[in-house]
Amino acid sequence: MRLELEEAEVCHLKEVISGLNIDLDSRDTPVVMAHEAKVAAETALQQLTDDLATLGARLQFDVSSACPLTPEATSLAENVASILMEREEKVRSAWD
């Protein structure tokens, strides 16, 4: 009889431990998901920043070596470059 009680107690303790492990796993899942989302967002931010830098470099061409541009085209290129720089600053400040 005593052996049966001990076995029942051992079985009960195993169930309790199993339940605790499930609780820990369910708590870890959102943390892992949040970490993976953060890594993905940081990667996307880096790609966006690289793309903006490439585009900005392309817009900062040497006017003297380019064909003659109208003042409107030059102004448009400067405005686009300015907008891109502002967006890059906003993205960087949002992640800081």
C-alpha atoms as a PDB file:
ATOM      1  CA  MET A   1       0.000   0.000   0.000  1.00  0.00           C
ATOM      2  CA  ARG A   2       2.801   2.387   0.914  1.00  0.00           C
ATOM      3  CA  LEU A   3       4.567   1.664  -2.373  1.00  0.00           C
ATOM      4  CA  GLU A   4       1.404   2.510  -4.303  1.00  0.00           C
ATOM      5  CA  LEU A   5       1.108   5.828  -2.464  1.00  0.00           C
ATOM      6  CA  GLU A   6       4.729   6.661  -3.205  1.00  0.00           C
ATOM      7  CA  GLU A   7       4.249   5.780  -6.861  1.00  0.00           C
ATOM      8  CA  ALA A   8       1.122   7.936  -6.979  1.00  0.00           C
ATOM      9  CA  GLU A   9       3.030  10.814  -5.377  1.00  0.00           C
ATOM     10  CA  VAL A  10       5.893  10.408  -7.864  1.00  0.00           C
ATOM     11  CA  CYS A  11       3.400  10.372 -10.727  1.00  0.00           C
ATOM     12  CA  HIS A  12       1.724  13.507  -9.358  1.00  0.00           C
ATOM     13  CA  LEU A  13       5.069  15.306  -8.999  1.00  0.00           C
ATOM     14  CA  LYS A  14       6.000  14.367 -12.574  1.00  0.00           C
ATOM     15  CA  GLU A  15       2.714  15.871 -13.777  1.00  0.00           C
ATOM     16  CA  VAL A  16       3.362  19.057 -11.799  1.00  0.00           C
ATOM     17  CA  ILE A  17       6.888  19.347 -13.220  1.00  0.00           C
ATOM     18  CA  SER A  18       5.585  18.695 -16.719  1.00  0.00           C
ATOM     19  CA  GLY A  19       2.979  21.436 -16.240  1.00  0.00           C
ATOM     20  CA  LEU A  20       5.660  23.857 -15.058  1.00  0.00           C
ATOM     21  CA  ASN A  21       7.790  23.070 -18.111  1.00  0.00           C
ATOM     22  CA  ILE A  22       4.818  23.752 -20.392  1.00  0.00           C
ATOM     23  CA  ASP A  23       4.223  27.071 -18.606  1.00  0.00           C
ATOM     24  CA  LEU A  24       7.877  28.039 -19.068  1.00  0.00           C
ATOM     25  CA  ASP A  25       7.776  27.082 -22.736  1.00  0.00           C
ATOM     26  CA  SER A  26       4.629  29.125 -23.292  1.00  0.00           C
ATOM     27  CA  ARG A  27       6.284  32.128 -21.644  1.00  0.00           C
ATOM     28  CA  ASP A  28       9.451  31.778 -23.698  1.00  0.00           C
ATOM     29  CA  THR A  29       7.633  31.610 -27.029  1.00  0.00           C
ATOM     30  CA  PRO A  30       6.544  35.295 -27.125  1.00  0.00           C
ATOM     31  CA  VAL A  31      10.016  36.390 -26.026  1.00  0.00           C
ATOM     32  CA  VAL A  32      11.648  34.362 -28.795  1.00  0.00           C
ATOM     33  CA  MET A  33       9.130  35.664 -31.337  1.00  0.00           C
ATOM     34  CA  ALA A  34       9.738  39.257 -30.233  1.00  0.00           C
ATOM     35  CA  HIS A  35      13.499  38.767 -30.515  1.00  0.00           C
ATOM     36  CA  GLU A  36      13.157  37.279 -34.009  1.00  0.00           C
ATOM     37  CA  ALA A  37      10.897  40.170 -35.049  1.00  0.00           C
ATOM     38  CA  LYS A  38      13.436  42.670 -33.708  1.00  0.00           C
ATOM     39  CA  VAL A  39      16.260  41.011 -35.651  1.00  0.00           C
ATOM     40  CA  ALA A  40      14.131  41.010 -38.824  1.00  0.00           C
ATOM     41  CA  ALA A  41      13.246  44.688 -38.312  1.00  0.00           C
ATOM     42  CA  GLU A  42      16.898  45.608 -37.762  1.00  0.00           C
ATOM     43  CA  THR A  43      17.848  43.761 -40.953  1.00  0.00           C
ATOM     44  CA  ALA A  44      15.094  45.539 -42.886  1.00  0.00           C
ATOM     45  CA  LEU A  45      16.218  48.880 -41.446  1.00  0.00           C
ATOM     46  CA  GLN A  46      19.800  48.209 -42.505  1.00  0.00           C
ATOM     47  CA  GLN A  47      18.685  47.282 -46.019  1.00  0.00           C
ATOM     48  CA  LEU A  48      16.519  50.401 -46.235  1.00  0.00           C
ATOM     49  CA  THR A  49      19.361  52.571 -44.974  1.00  0.00           C
ATOM     50  CA  ASP A  50      21.736  51.031 -47.513  1.00  0.00           C
ATOM     51  CA  ASP A  51      19.203  51.565 -50.298  1.00  0.00           C
ATOM     52  CA  LEU A  52      18.690  55.190 -49.264  1.00  0.00           C
ATOM     53  CA  ALA A  53      22.440  55.765 -49.157  1.00  0.00           C
ATOM     54  CA  THR A  54      22.813  54.264 -52.635  1.00  0.00           C
ATOM     55  CA  LEU A  55      19.980  56.366 -53.987  1.00  0.00           C
ATOM     56  CA  GLY A  56      21.357  59.472 -52.304  1.00  0.00           C
ATOM     57  CA  ALA A  57      24.779  58.844 -53.823  1.00  0.00           C
ATOM     58  CA  ARG A  58      23.229  58.439 -57.249  1.00  0.00           C
ATOM     59  CA  LEU A  59      21.366  61.724 -56.854  1.00  0.00           C
ATOM     60  CA  GLN A  60      24.520  63.581 -55.861  1.00  0.00           C
ATOM     61  CA  PHE A  61      26.038  63.479 -59.304  1.00  0.00           C
ATOM     62  CA  ASP A  62      28.488  66.014 -60.619  1.00  0.00           C
ATOM     63  CA  VAL A  63      26.440  68.531 -62.591  1.00  0.00           C
ATOM     64  CA  SER A  64      29.480  69.732 -64.508  1.00  0.00           C
ATOM     65  CA  SER A  65      30.016  66.300 -66.058  1.00  0.00           C
ATOM     66  CA  ALA A  66      26.325  65.741 -66.731  1.00  0.00           C
ATOM     67  CA  CYS A  67      24.451  67.158 -69.662  1.00  0.00           C
ATOM     68  CA  PRO A  68      23.088  70.655 -69.102  1.00  0.00           C
ATOM     69  CA  LEU A  69      20.136  70.495 -66.764  1.00  0.00           C
ATOM     70  CA  THR A  70      17.332  72.938 -66.415  1.00  0.00           C
ATOM     71  CA  PRO A  71      17.042  74.695 -63.070  1.00  0.00           C
ATOM     72  CA  GLU A  72      13.761  72.857 -62.475  1.00  0.00           C
ATOM     73  CA  ALA A  73      15.403  69.439 -62.852  1.00  0.00           C
ATOM     74  CA  THR A  74      18.246  70.447 -60.556  1.00  0.00           C
ATOM     75  CA  SER A  75      15.773  71.742 -57.985  1.00  0.00           C
ATOM     76  CA  LEU A  76      13.748  68.526 -58.208  1.00  0.00           C
ATOM     77  CA  ALA A  77      16.847  66.375 -57.681  1.00  0.00           C
ATOM     78  CA  GLU A  78      17.864  68.466 -54.667  1.00  0.00           C
ATOM     79  CA  ASN A  79      14.350  68.221 -53.190  1.00  0.00           C
ATOM     80  CA  VAL A  80      14.242  64.446 -53.631  1.00  0.00           C
ATOM     81  CA  ALA A  81      17.663  64.112 -52.000  1.00  0.00           C
ATOM     82  CA  SER A  82      16.496  66.314 -49.116  1.00  0.00           C
ATOM     83  CA  ILE A  83      13.317  64.268 -48.620  1.00  0.00           C
ATOM     84  CA  LEU A  84      15.302  61.031 -48.606  1.00  0.00           C
ATOM     85  CA  MET A  85      17.742  62.395 -46.029  1.00  0.00           C
ATOM     86  CA  GLU A  86      14.843  63.521 -43.798  1.00  0.00           C
ATOM     87  CA  ARG A  87      13.221  60.084 -44.032  1.00  0.00           C
ATOM     88  CA  GLU A  88      16.492  58.391 -43.209  1.00  0.00           C
ATOM     89  CA  GLU A  89      16.874  60.600 -40.121  1.00  0.00           C
ATOM     90  CA  LYS A  90      13.289  59.821 -39.037  1.00  0.00           C
ATOM     91  CA  VAL A  91      13.845  56.089 -39.451  1.00  0.00           C
ATOM     92  CA  ARG A  92      17.100  56.232 -37.512  1.00  0.00           C
ATOM     93  CA  SER A  93      15.545  58.289 -34.705  1.00  0.00           C
ATOM     94  CA  ALA A  94      12.562  55.928 -34.508  1.00  0.00           C
ATOM     95  CA  TRP A  95      14.902  52.986 -33.925  1.00  0.00           C
ATOM     96  CA  ASP A  96      17.064  54.789 -31.357  1.00  0.00           C
END
